[in-house]
Amino acid sequence: MSTNNIKKVRTSDIELKDRLVSIQRVTKVTKGGRTFTFSAIVVVGNENGIVGYGLGKASEVTTAIAKGVEDAKKNLIKVPVLKGTIPHEQVAKFSGSRVLLRPASPGTGVIAGGAMRAVLESVGVKNVLAKSKGSSNPHNLVKATVAALAELRDPVTIAETRGISLTKVFNG
């Protein structure tokens, strides 16, 4: 993932909705017995192009979710959403998880699995075709999906980078 395309966002004036992707009970066996803790992966977004993810760990479920939300608010990125879909096809990988995102025509809906669906709905994409290949681990799947969304570029940015008009970007 190249870091030059990532656009960090401030959280002060944005209304964010959080979605719980996964919660795990983690057991640590010690001399005195078993200690149970919880880890929660949470996705936050404003459903208008801003999304972030976070991981929270605590001895109680509610505290783990709250920590995950706070962590997610620190890792927000801006994603170009055009007419309810993504601007172009994108492939990304994180650890063993690979994701493929393709733009879809209006009325298609979000065709994606659990962890990817949470990220795509939080960012505000209404029509997209998504495929998860490789590992289905929710942690890696969320990170791969966010990496794919971070690498998306809108036509205006491409036109500025190439130094050509916006109509020439579409017509080739």
N, C-alpha and C. Protein backbone atom coordinates (compact mmCIF):
# COMPACT_ATOMS: atom_id res chain seq x y z
N MET A 1 0.84 -1.18 0.00
CA MET A 1 0.00 0.00 0.00
C MET A 1 0.88 1.23 0.00
N SER A 2 0.70 2.09 -0.97
CA SER A 2 1.48 3.31 -1.03
C SER A 2 0.87 4.35 -0.11
N THR A 3 1.71 5.08 0.61
CA THR A 3 1.22 6.04 1.59
C THR A 3 0.92 7.40 0.98
N ASN A 4 1.26 7.62 -0.28
CA ASN A 4 1.04 8.94 -0.86
C ASN A 4 -0.42 9.18 -1.24
N ASN A 5 -1.24 8.13 -1.39
CA ASN A 5 -2.64 8.31 -1.75
C ASN A 5 -3.54 8.45 -0.54
N ILE A 6 -3.07 8.13 0.64
CA ILE A 6 -3.92 8.15 1.83
C ILE A 6 -4.14 9.59 2.27
N LYS A 7 -5.43 9.92 2.45
CA LYS A 7 -5.81 11.26 2.89
C LYS A 7 -6.37 11.15 4.29
N LYS A 8 -5.66 11.65 5.28
CA LYS A 8 -6.14 11.62 6.67
C LYS A 8 -7.25 12.65 6.85
N VAL A 9 -8.17 12.36 7.76
CA VAL A 9 -9.34 13.20 7.96
C VAL A 9 -9.44 13.56 9.43
N ARG A 10 -9.91 14.77 9.72
CA ARG A 10 -10.15 15.21 11.09
C ARG A 10 -11.53 14.76 11.54
N THR A 11 -11.67 14.41 12.82
CA THR A 11 -12.94 13.87 13.33
C THR A 11 -13.81 14.91 14.02
N SER A 12 -13.35 16.14 14.13
CA SER A 12 -14.06 17.12 14.95
C SER A 12 -15.46 17.45 14.45
N ASP A 13 -15.69 17.49 13.15
CA ASP A 13 -16.99 17.95 12.64
C ASP A 13 -17.71 16.89 11.80
N ILE A 14 -17.44 15.60 12.07
CA ILE A 14 -18.03 14.53 11.27
C ILE A 14 -18.90 13.64 12.16
N GLU A 15 -20.10 13.32 11.69
CA GLU A 15 -20.99 12.39 12.38
C GLU A 15 -20.65 10.97 11.92
N LEU A 16 -20.08 10.16 12.81
CA LEU A 16 -19.63 8.82 12.45
C LEU A 16 -20.53 7.75 13.05
N LYS A 17 -20.79 6.71 12.25
CA LYS A 17 -21.55 5.55 12.73
C LYS A 17 -20.58 4.38 12.85
N ASP A 18 -20.71 3.62 13.95
CA ASP A 18 -19.79 2.50 14.14
C ASP A 18 -20.51 1.18 13.89
N ARG A 19 -19.75 0.21 13.36
CA ARG A 19 -20.25 -1.15 13.12
C ARG A 19 -19.25 -2.14 13.71
N LEU A 20 -19.79 -3.06 14.48
CA LEU A 20 -18.96 -4.11 15.06
C LEU A 20 -18.77 -5.21 14.02
N VAL A 21 -17.53 -5.47 13.64
CA VAL A 21 -17.24 -6.49 12.63
C VAL A 21 -17.07 -7.85 13.30
N SER A 22 -16.27 -7.90 14.34
CA SER A 22 -15.96 -9.18 14.96
C SER A 22 -15.58 -8.97 16.42
N ILE A 23 -15.95 -9.94 17.24
CA ILE A 23 -15.52 -9.93 18.64
C ILE A 23 -15.03 -11.33 19.00
N GLN A 24 -13.88 -11.40 19.65
CA GLN A 24 -13.28 -12.67 20.03
C GLN A 24 -13.04 -12.72 21.53
N ARG A 25 -13.28 -13.88 22.11
CA ARG A 25 -12.91 -14.08 23.50
C ARG A 25 -11.54 -14.74 23.50
N VAL A 26 -10.60 -14.10 24.16
CA VAL A 26 -9.22 -14.57 24.20
C VAL A 26 -8.94 -15.11 25.60
N THR A 27 -8.34 -16.29 25.67
CA THR A 27 -8.05 -16.92 26.95
C THR A 27 -6.55 -16.98 27.18
N LYS A 28 -6.14 -16.53 28.34
CA LYS A 28 -4.74 -16.64 28.74
C LYS A 28 -4.69 -17.57 29.95
N VAL A 29 -3.96 -18.66 29.82
CA VAL A 29 -3.86 -19.63 30.90
C VAL A 29 -2.63 -19.31 31.74
N THR A 30 -2.87 -19.08 33.02
CA THR A 30 -1.78 -18.77 33.94
C THR A 30 -1.77 -19.82 35.06
N LYS A 31 -0.84 -19.66 35.99
CA LYS A 31 -0.73 -20.59 37.10
C LYS A 31 -2.00 -20.54 37.97
N GLY A 32 -2.61 -19.38 38.06
CA GLY A 32 -3.81 -19.21 38.88
C GLY A 32 -5.10 -19.57 38.18
N GLY A 33 -5.05 -19.96 36.92
CA GLY A 33 -6.27 -20.31 36.19
C GLY A 33 -6.34 -19.59 34.86
N ARG A 34 -7.55 -19.53 34.31
CA ARG A 34 -7.74 -18.90 33.00
C ARG A 34 -8.18 -17.45 33.17
N THR A 35 -7.60 -16.58 32.34
CA THR A 35 -8.01 -15.17 32.31
C THR A 35 -8.66 -14.91 30.96
N PHE A 36 -9.91 -14.40 30.99
CA PHE A 36 -10.63 -14.13 29.74
C PHE A 36 -10.60 -12.64 29.43
N THR A 37 -10.25 -12.32 28.19
CA THR A 37 -10.34 -10.94 27.70
C THR A 37 -11.05 -10.97 26.35
N PHE A 38 -11.40 -9.80 25.86
CA PHE A 38 -12.13 -9.71 24.59
C PHE A 38 -11.40 -8.75 23.66
N SER A 39 -11.38 -9.12 22.37
CA SER A 39 -10.86 -8.20 21.37
C SER A 39 -11.96 -7.94 20.35
N ALA A 40 -12.13 -6.68 20.00
CA ALA A 40 -13.20 -6.30 19.07
C ALA A 40 -12.63 -5.48 17.94
N ILE A 41 -13.00 -5.81 16.70
CA ILE A 41 -12.62 -4.99 15.55
C ILE A 41 -13.86 -4.22 15.11
N VAL A 42 -13.70 -2.89 15.00
CA VAL A 42 -14.81 -1.99 14.75
C VAL A 42 -14.49 -1.13 13.53
N VAL A 43 -15.53 -0.87 12.71
CA VAL A 43 -15.39 0.02 11.56
C VAL A 43 -16.30 1.23 11.79
N VAL A 44 -15.76 2.44 11.59
CA VAL A 44 -16.57 3.65 11.69
C VAL A 44 -16.55 4.37 10.34
N GLY A 45 -17.64 5.06 10.04
CA GLY A 45 -17.72 5.83 8.81
C GLY A 45 -18.91 6.75 8.83
N ASN A 46 -18.89 7.74 7.93
CA ASN A 46 -20.01 8.67 7.86
C ASN A 46 -20.95 8.34 6.70
N GLU A 47 -20.71 7.24 6.01
CA GLU A 47 -21.50 6.80 4.84
C GLU A 47 -21.49 7.85 3.73
N ASN A 48 -20.42 8.63 3.69
CA ASN A 48 -20.26 9.64 2.64
C ASN A 48 -18.79 9.80 2.27
N GLY A 49 -18.05 8.68 2.22
CA GLY A 49 -16.68 8.74 1.74
C GLY A 49 -15.60 8.69 2.80
N ILE A 50 -15.96 8.59 4.07
CA ILE A 50 -14.95 8.54 5.13
C ILE A 50 -15.11 7.25 5.90
N VAL A 51 -13.99 6.54 6.13
CA VAL A 51 -14.03 5.26 6.83
C VAL A 51 -12.74 5.06 7.60
N GLY A 52 -12.84 4.27 8.69
CA GLY A 52 -11.67 3.92 9.48
C GLY A 52 -11.96 2.65 10.26
N TYR A 53 -10.92 1.97 10.69
CA TYR A 53 -11.09 0.75 11.48
C TYR A 53 -10.21 0.81 12.71
N GLY A 54 -10.62 0.05 13.74
CA GLY A 54 -9.84 0.03 14.96
C GLY A 54 -9.99 -1.28 15.70
N LEU A 55 -9.03 -1.58 16.55
CA LEU A 55 -9.02 -2.78 17.36
C LEU A 55 -9.00 -2.39 18.82
N GLY A 56 -9.94 -2.95 19.59
CA GLY A 56 -9.98 -2.68 21.02
C GLY A 56 -9.87 -3.96 21.81
N LYS A 57 -9.10 -3.93 22.88
CA LYS A 57 -8.93 -5.12 23.74
C LYS A 57 -9.20 -4.71 25.18
N ALA A 58 -10.04 -5.51 25.87
CA ALA A 58 -10.35 -5.22 27.27
C ALA A 58 -10.91 -6.47 27.93
N SER A 59 -11.10 -6.38 29.25
CA SER A 59 -11.64 -7.52 29.99
C SER A 59 -13.16 -7.60 29.89
N GLU A 60 -13.81 -6.54 29.39
CA GLU A 60 -15.26 -6.54 29.18
C GLU A 60 -15.55 -6.21 27.73
N VAL A 61 -16.68 -6.75 27.23
CA VAL A 61 -17.05 -6.56 25.82
C VAL A 61 -17.29 -5.09 25.50
N THR A 62 -18.08 -4.41 26.31
CA THR A 62 -18.42 -3.01 26.03
C THR A 62 -17.20 -2.11 26.02
N THR A 63 -16.27 -2.36 26.94
CA THR A 63 -15.03 -1.57 26.99
C THR A 63 -14.18 -1.84 25.75
N ALA A 64 -14.12 -3.10 25.30
CA ALA A 64 -13.35 -3.44 24.11
C ALA A 64 -13.92 -2.74 22.88
N ILE A 65 -15.25 -2.71 22.77
CA ILE A 65 -15.89 -2.03 21.63
C ILE A 65 -15.63 -0.53 21.68
N ALA A 66 -15.73 0.07 22.87
CA ALA A 66 -15.47 1.50 23.02
C ALA A 66 -14.03 1.85 22.64
N LYS A 67 -13.08 1.00 23.05
CA LYS A 67 -11.68 1.23 22.70
C LYS A 67 -11.47 1.07 21.19
N GLY A 68 -12.17 0.12 20.59
CA GLY A 68 -12.09 -0.07 19.14
C GLY A 68 -12.60 1.14 18.37
N VAL A 69 -13.70 1.72 18.85
CA VAL A 69 -14.26 2.93 18.21
C VAL A 69 -13.27 4.09 18.31
N GLU A 70 -12.67 4.27 19.48
CA GLU A 70 -11.69 5.36 19.66
C GLU A 70 -10.49 5.16 18.74
N ASP A 71 -10.03 3.92 18.61
CA ASP A 71 -8.90 3.62 17.73
C ASP A 71 -9.27 3.86 16.27
N ALA A 72 -10.50 3.51 15.91
CA ALA A 72 -10.95 3.69 14.53
C ALA A 72 -11.02 5.17 14.16
N LYS A 73 -11.41 6.02 15.10
CA LYS A 73 -11.50 7.47 14.83
C LYS A 73 -10.13 8.09 14.57
N LYS A 74 -9.06 7.41 15.01
CA LYS A 74 -7.70 7.91 14.78
C LYS A 74 -7.17 7.52 13.41
N ASN A 75 -7.84 6.55 12.73
CA ASN A 75 -7.33 6.02 11.46
C ASN A 75 -8.32 6.24 10.32
N LEU A 76 -8.87 7.43 10.20
CA LEU A 76 -9.86 7.70 9.15
C LEU A 76 -9.18 8.06 7.84
N ILE A 77 -9.78 7.59 6.73
CA ILE A 77 -9.30 7.95 5.40
C ILE A 77 -10.47 8.43 4.55
N LYS A 78 -10.17 9.21 3.52
CA LYS A 78 -11.19 9.71 2.58
C LYS A 78 -11.16 8.85 1.33
N VAL A 79 -12.35 8.42 0.89
CA VAL A 79 -12.47 7.52 -0.26
C VAL A 79 -13.37 8.19 -1.30
N PRO A 80 -12.96 8.20 -2.59
CA PRO A 80 -13.84 8.77 -3.62
C PRO A 80 -15.00 7.83 -3.93
N VAL A 81 -16.23 8.33 -3.77
CA VAL A 81 -17.43 7.57 -4.11
C VAL A 81 -18.15 8.35 -5.21
N LEU A 82 -18.31 7.72 -6.38
CA LEU A 82 -18.94 8.38 -7.51
C LEU A 82 -20.24 7.68 -7.86
N LYS A 83 -21.36 8.40 -7.77
CA LYS A 83 -22.68 7.87 -8.12
C LYS A 83 -22.98 6.57 -7.37
N GLY A 84 -22.61 6.50 -6.11
CA GLY A 84 -22.91 5.34 -5.29
C GLY A 84 -22.01 4.14 -5.48
N THR A 85 -20.96 4.26 -6.29
CA THR A 85 -20.04 3.15 -6.49
C THR A 85 -18.60 3.67 -6.47
N ILE A 86 -17.65 2.77 -6.66
CA ILE A 86 -16.24 3.17 -6.66
C ILE A 86 -15.83 3.56 -8.09
N PRO A 87 -14.80 4.39 -8.25
CA PRO A 87 -14.44 4.87 -9.59
C PRO A 87 -13.85 3.81 -10.52
N HIS A 88 -13.13 2.83 -9.98
CA HIS A 88 -12.48 1.84 -10.84
C HIS A 88 -12.25 0.55 -10.05
N GLU A 89 -11.84 -0.48 -10.77
CA GLU A 89 -11.55 -1.78 -10.14
C GLU A 89 -10.27 -1.67 -9.33
N GLN A 90 -10.24 -2.39 -8.19
CA GLN A 90 -9.06 -2.32 -7.33
C GLN A 90 -8.82 -3.68 -6.66
N VAL A 91 -7.57 -4.08 -6.60
CA VAL A 91 -7.16 -5.30 -5.92
C VAL A 91 -6.19 -4.91 -4.81
N ALA A 92 -6.33 -5.54 -3.64
CA ALA A 92 -5.41 -5.26 -2.53
C ALA A 92 -5.19 -6.53 -1.73
N LYS A 93 -4.10 -6.51 -0.96
CA LYS A 93 -3.73 -7.68 -0.18
C LYS A 93 -3.23 -7.22 1.17
N PHE A 94 -3.62 -7.94 2.20
CA PHE A 94 -3.04 -7.73 3.52
C PHE A 94 -2.84 -9.10 4.14
N SER A 95 -1.60 -9.46 4.43
CA SER A 95 -1.26 -10.77 4.97
C SER A 95 -1.81 -11.85 4.05
N GLY A 96 -2.67 -12.74 4.53
CA GLY A 96 -3.19 -13.82 3.70
C GLY A 96 -4.50 -13.49 3.00
N SER A 97 -5.05 -12.29 3.26
CA SER A 97 -6.32 -11.91 2.66
C SER A 97 -6.10 -11.08 1.40
N ARG A 98 -6.84 -11.43 0.36
CA ARG A 98 -6.83 -10.67 -0.89
C ARG A 98 -8.25 -10.24 -1.18
N VAL A 99 -8.43 -9.00 -1.64
CA VAL A 99 -9.77 -8.52 -1.97
C VAL A 99 -9.78 -7.94 -3.38
N LEU A 100 -10.92 -8.11 -4.04
CA LEU A 100 -11.15 -7.54 -5.36
C LEU A 100 -12.42 -6.70 -5.27
N LEU A 101 -12.33 -5.42 -5.63
CA LEU A 101 -13.48 -4.53 -5.64
C LEU A 101 -13.72 -4.07 -7.07
N ARG A 102 -14.98 -4.17 -7.52
CA ARG A 102 -15.33 -3.72 -8.87
C ARG A 102 -16.54 -2.80 -8.80
N PRO A 103 -16.55 -1.73 -9.60
CA PRO A 103 -17.73 -0.87 -9.64
C PRO A 103 -18.92 -1.63 -10.21
N ALA A 104 -20.12 -1.26 -9.80
CA ALA A 104 -21.33 -1.93 -10.27
C ALA A 104 -22.37 -0.91 -10.68
N SER A 105 -23.29 -1.32 -11.55
CA SER A 105 -24.34 -0.42 -12.03
C SER A 105 -25.38 -0.19 -10.94
N PRO A 106 -26.13 0.89 -11.02
CA PRO A 106 -27.15 1.18 -10.00
C PRO A 106 -28.17 0.05 -9.88
N GLY A 107 -28.53 -0.26 -8.65
CA GLY A 107 -29.49 -1.33 -8.39
C GLY A 107 -28.85 -2.66 -8.04
N THR A 108 -27.52 -2.75 -8.15
CA THR A 108 -26.82 -4.00 -7.87
C THR A 108 -26.77 -4.28 -6.37
N GLY A 109 -26.50 -3.26 -5.57
CA GLY A 109 -26.35 -3.43 -4.13
C GLY A 109 -24.92 -3.76 -3.77
N VAL A 110 -24.69 -4.01 -2.50
CA VAL A 110 -23.35 -4.35 -2.02
C VAL A 110 -23.24 -5.87 -2.01
N ILE A 111 -22.52 -6.40 -2.98
CA ILE A 111 -22.30 -7.85 -3.08
C ILE A 111 -20.94 -8.11 -2.43
N ALA A 112 -20.97 -8.42 -1.12
CA ALA A 112 -19.73 -8.63 -0.38
C ALA A 112 -20.02 -9.46 0.87
N GLY A 113 -18.97 -10.08 1.40
CA GLY A 113 -19.10 -10.87 2.61
C GLY A 113 -19.12 -10.00 3.86
N GLY A 114 -19.19 -10.62 5.02
CA GLY A 114 -19.41 -9.94 6.29
C GLY A 114 -18.47 -8.79 6.61
N ALA A 115 -17.17 -9.05 6.73
CA ALA A 115 -16.22 -8.01 7.12
C ALA A 115 -16.09 -6.95 6.04
N MET A 116 -16.08 -7.37 4.77
CA MET A 116 -15.98 -6.40 3.66
C MET A 116 -17.25 -5.56 3.57
N ARG A 117 -18.40 -6.17 3.79
CA ARG A 117 -19.69 -5.47 3.73
C ARG A 117 -19.73 -4.33 4.74
N ALA A 118 -19.25 -4.58 5.97
CA ALA A 118 -19.26 -3.55 7.00
C ALA A 118 -18.44 -2.34 6.58
N VAL A 119 -17.27 -2.58 5.99
CA VAL A 119 -16.40 -1.48 5.55
C VAL A 119 -17.04 -0.72 4.40
N LEU A 120 -17.56 -1.44 3.40
CA LEU A 120 -18.14 -0.80 2.22
C LEU A 120 -19.41 -0.02 2.56
N GLU A 121 -20.23 -0.54 3.45
CA GLU A 121 -21.44 0.20 3.85
C GLU A 121 -21.08 1.42 4.68
N SER A 122 -20.05 1.33 5.51
CA SER A 122 -19.61 2.47 6.32
C SER A 122 -19.07 3.61 5.47
N VAL A 123 -18.44 3.26 4.35
CA VAL A 123 -17.88 4.30 3.48
C VAL A 123 -18.97 4.94 2.61
N GLY A 124 -20.11 4.27 2.46
CA GLY A 124 -21.21 4.85 1.72
C GLY A 124 -21.36 4.35 0.30
N VAL A 125 -20.73 3.23 -0.02
CA VAL A 125 -20.85 2.64 -1.35
C VAL A 125 -22.17 1.86 -1.41
N LYS A 126 -23.00 2.15 -2.41
CA LYS A 126 -24.31 1.49 -2.53
C LYS A 126 -24.28 0.33 -3.53
N ASN A 127 -23.43 0.40 -4.54
CA ASN A 127 -23.37 -0.62 -5.59
C ASN A 127 -21.91 -1.01 -5.83
N VAL A 128 -21.57 -2.24 -5.49
CA VAL A 128 -20.20 -2.71 -5.68
C VAL A 128 -20.20 -4.24 -5.71
N LEU A 129 -19.29 -4.79 -6.50
CA LEU A 129 -19.05 -6.23 -6.51
C LEU A 129 -17.72 -6.46 -5.83
N ALA A 130 -17.71 -7.30 -4.79
CA ALA A 130 -16.49 -7.53 -4.04
C ALA A 130 -16.28 -9.02 -3.86
N LYS A 131 -15.03 -9.44 -3.93
CA LYS A 131 -14.69 -10.84 -3.76
C LYS A 131 -13.52 -10.95 -2.82
N SER A 132 -13.64 -11.85 -1.86
CA SER A 132 -12.57 -12.13 -0.92
C SER A 132 -11.88 -13.41 -1.35
N LYS A 133 -10.58 -13.35 -1.51
CA LYS A 133 -9.80 -14.53 -1.87
C LYS A 133 -8.76 -14.75 -0.80
N GLY A 134 -8.45 -16.01 -0.53
CA GLY A 134 -7.46 -16.31 0.49
C GLY A 134 -8.10 -16.37 1.85
N SER A 135 -7.42 -15.84 2.84
CA SER A 135 -7.86 -15.93 4.23
C SER A 135 -9.14 -15.13 4.47
N SER A 136 -10.03 -15.68 5.29
CA SER A 136 -11.27 -14.98 5.63
C SER A 136 -11.20 -14.41 7.05
N ASN A 137 -10.00 -14.31 7.59
CA ASN A 137 -9.79 -13.72 8.91
C ASN A 137 -10.32 -12.28 8.90
N PRO A 138 -11.30 -11.94 9.79
CA PRO A 138 -11.90 -10.60 9.74
C PRO A 138 -10.91 -9.46 9.91
N HIS A 139 -9.89 -9.64 10.75
CA HIS A 139 -8.90 -8.58 10.96
C HIS A 139 -8.18 -8.26 9.66
N ASN A 140 -7.65 -9.28 9.00
CA ASN A 140 -6.91 -9.07 7.76
C ASN A 140 -7.83 -8.64 6.62
N LEU A 141 -9.06 -9.12 6.61
CA LEU A 141 -10.02 -8.76 5.56
C LEU A 141 -10.38 -7.28 5.63
N VAL A 142 -10.60 -6.78 6.83
CA VAL A 142 -10.91 -5.36 7.02
C VAL A 142 -9.71 -4.51 6.58
N LYS A 143 -8.52 -4.91 6.97
CA LYS A 143 -7.32 -4.15 6.61
C LYS A 143 -7.08 -4.16 5.10
N ALA A 144 -7.31 -5.30 4.44
CA ALA A 144 -7.15 -5.38 2.99
C ALA A 144 -8.19 -4.53 2.27
N THR A 145 -9.43 -4.53 2.76
CA THR A 145 -10.49 -3.72 2.14
C THR A 145 -10.19 -2.24 2.28
N VAL A 146 -9.76 -1.80 3.46
CA VAL A 146 -9.41 -0.39 3.67
C VAL A 146 -8.21 -0.01 2.81
N ALA A 147 -7.25 -0.93 2.65
CA ALA A 147 -6.09 -0.66 1.79
C ALA A 147 -6.53 -0.48 0.33
N ALA A 148 -7.48 -1.30 -0.12
CA ALA A 148 -7.99 -1.18 -1.49
C ALA A 148 -8.71 0.16 -1.67
N LEU A 149 -9.52 0.54 -0.69
CA LEU A 149 -10.25 1.81 -0.78
C LEU A 149 -9.30 3.01 -0.72
N ALA A 150 -8.21 2.89 0.04
CA ALA A 150 -7.25 3.98 0.16
C ALA A 150 -6.50 4.23 -1.15
N GLU A 151 -6.36 3.19 -1.98
CA GLU A 151 -5.64 3.33 -3.24
C GLU A 151 -6.52 3.82 -4.39
N LEU A 152 -7.83 3.96 -4.16
CA LEU A 152 -8.72 4.46 -5.22
C LEU A 152 -8.41 5.92 -5.52
N ARG A 153 -8.51 6.27 -6.80
CA ARG A 153 -8.30 7.67 -7.21
C ARG A 153 -9.50 8.13 -8.01
N ASP A 154 -9.93 9.34 -7.79
CA ASP A 154 -11.06 9.87 -8.56
C ASP A 154 -10.54 10.50 -9.84
N PRO A 155 -11.41 10.66 -10.85
CA PRO A 155 -10.99 11.19 -12.16
C PRO A 155 -10.35 12.58 -12.10
N VAL A 156 -10.78 13.42 -11.17
CA VAL A 156 -10.22 14.77 -11.05
C VAL A 156 -8.74 14.68 -10.65
N THR A 157 -8.41 13.81 -9.72
CA THR A 157 -7.02 13.63 -9.29
C THR A 157 -6.16 13.10 -10.42
N ILE A 158 -6.70 12.14 -11.18
CA ILE A 158 -5.95 11.57 -12.30
C ILE A 158 -5.69 12.64 -13.37
N ALA A 159 -6.69 13.47 -13.65
CA ALA A 159 -6.54 14.53 -14.64
C ALA A 159 -5.46 15.53 -14.21
N GLU A 160 -5.46 15.90 -12.92
CA GLU A 160 -4.45 16.84 -12.42
C GLU A 160 -3.05 16.23 -12.48
N THR A 161 -2.94 14.96 -12.12
CA THR A 161 -1.63 14.29 -12.12
C THR A 161 -1.06 14.20 -13.53
N ARG A 162 -1.89 13.86 -14.49
CA ARG A 162 -1.43 13.72 -15.87
C ARG A 162 -1.34 15.05 -16.60
N GLY A 163 -1.97 16.08 -16.05
CA GLY A 163 -1.95 17.40 -16.70
C GLY A 163 -2.84 17.48 -17.92
N ILE A 164 -3.95 16.73 -17.92
CA ILE A 164 -4.88 16.75 -19.04
C ILE A 164 -6.29 17.10 -18.54
N SER A 165 -7.20 17.33 -19.49
CA SER A 165 -8.57 17.70 -19.11
C SER A 165 -9.33 16.49 -18.62
N LEU A 166 -10.43 16.75 -17.89
CA LEU A 166 -11.25 15.67 -17.32
C LEU A 166 -11.92 14.86 -18.40
N THR A 167 -12.32 15.49 -19.51
CA THR A 167 -12.98 14.74 -20.59
C THR A 167 -11.99 13.78 -21.27
N LYS A 168 -10.72 14.17 -21.33
CA LYS A 168 -9.71 13.33 -21.95
C LYS A 168 -9.43 12.07 -21.12
N VAL A 169 -9.62 12.15 -19.79
CA VAL A 169 -9.43 11.00 -18.90
C VAL A 169 -10.46 9.91 -19.26
N PHE A 170 -11.70 10.32 -19.49
CA PHE A 170 -12.76 9.36 -19.80
C PHE A 170 -12.70 8.86 -21.23
N ASN A 171 -12.30 9.70 -22.17
CA ASN A 171 -12.30 9.31 -23.58
C ASN A 171 -11.00 8.62 -24.00
N GLY A 172 -10.00 8.68 -23.17
CA GLY A 172 -8.75 7.99 -23.48
C GLY A 172 -7.85 8.87 -24.25
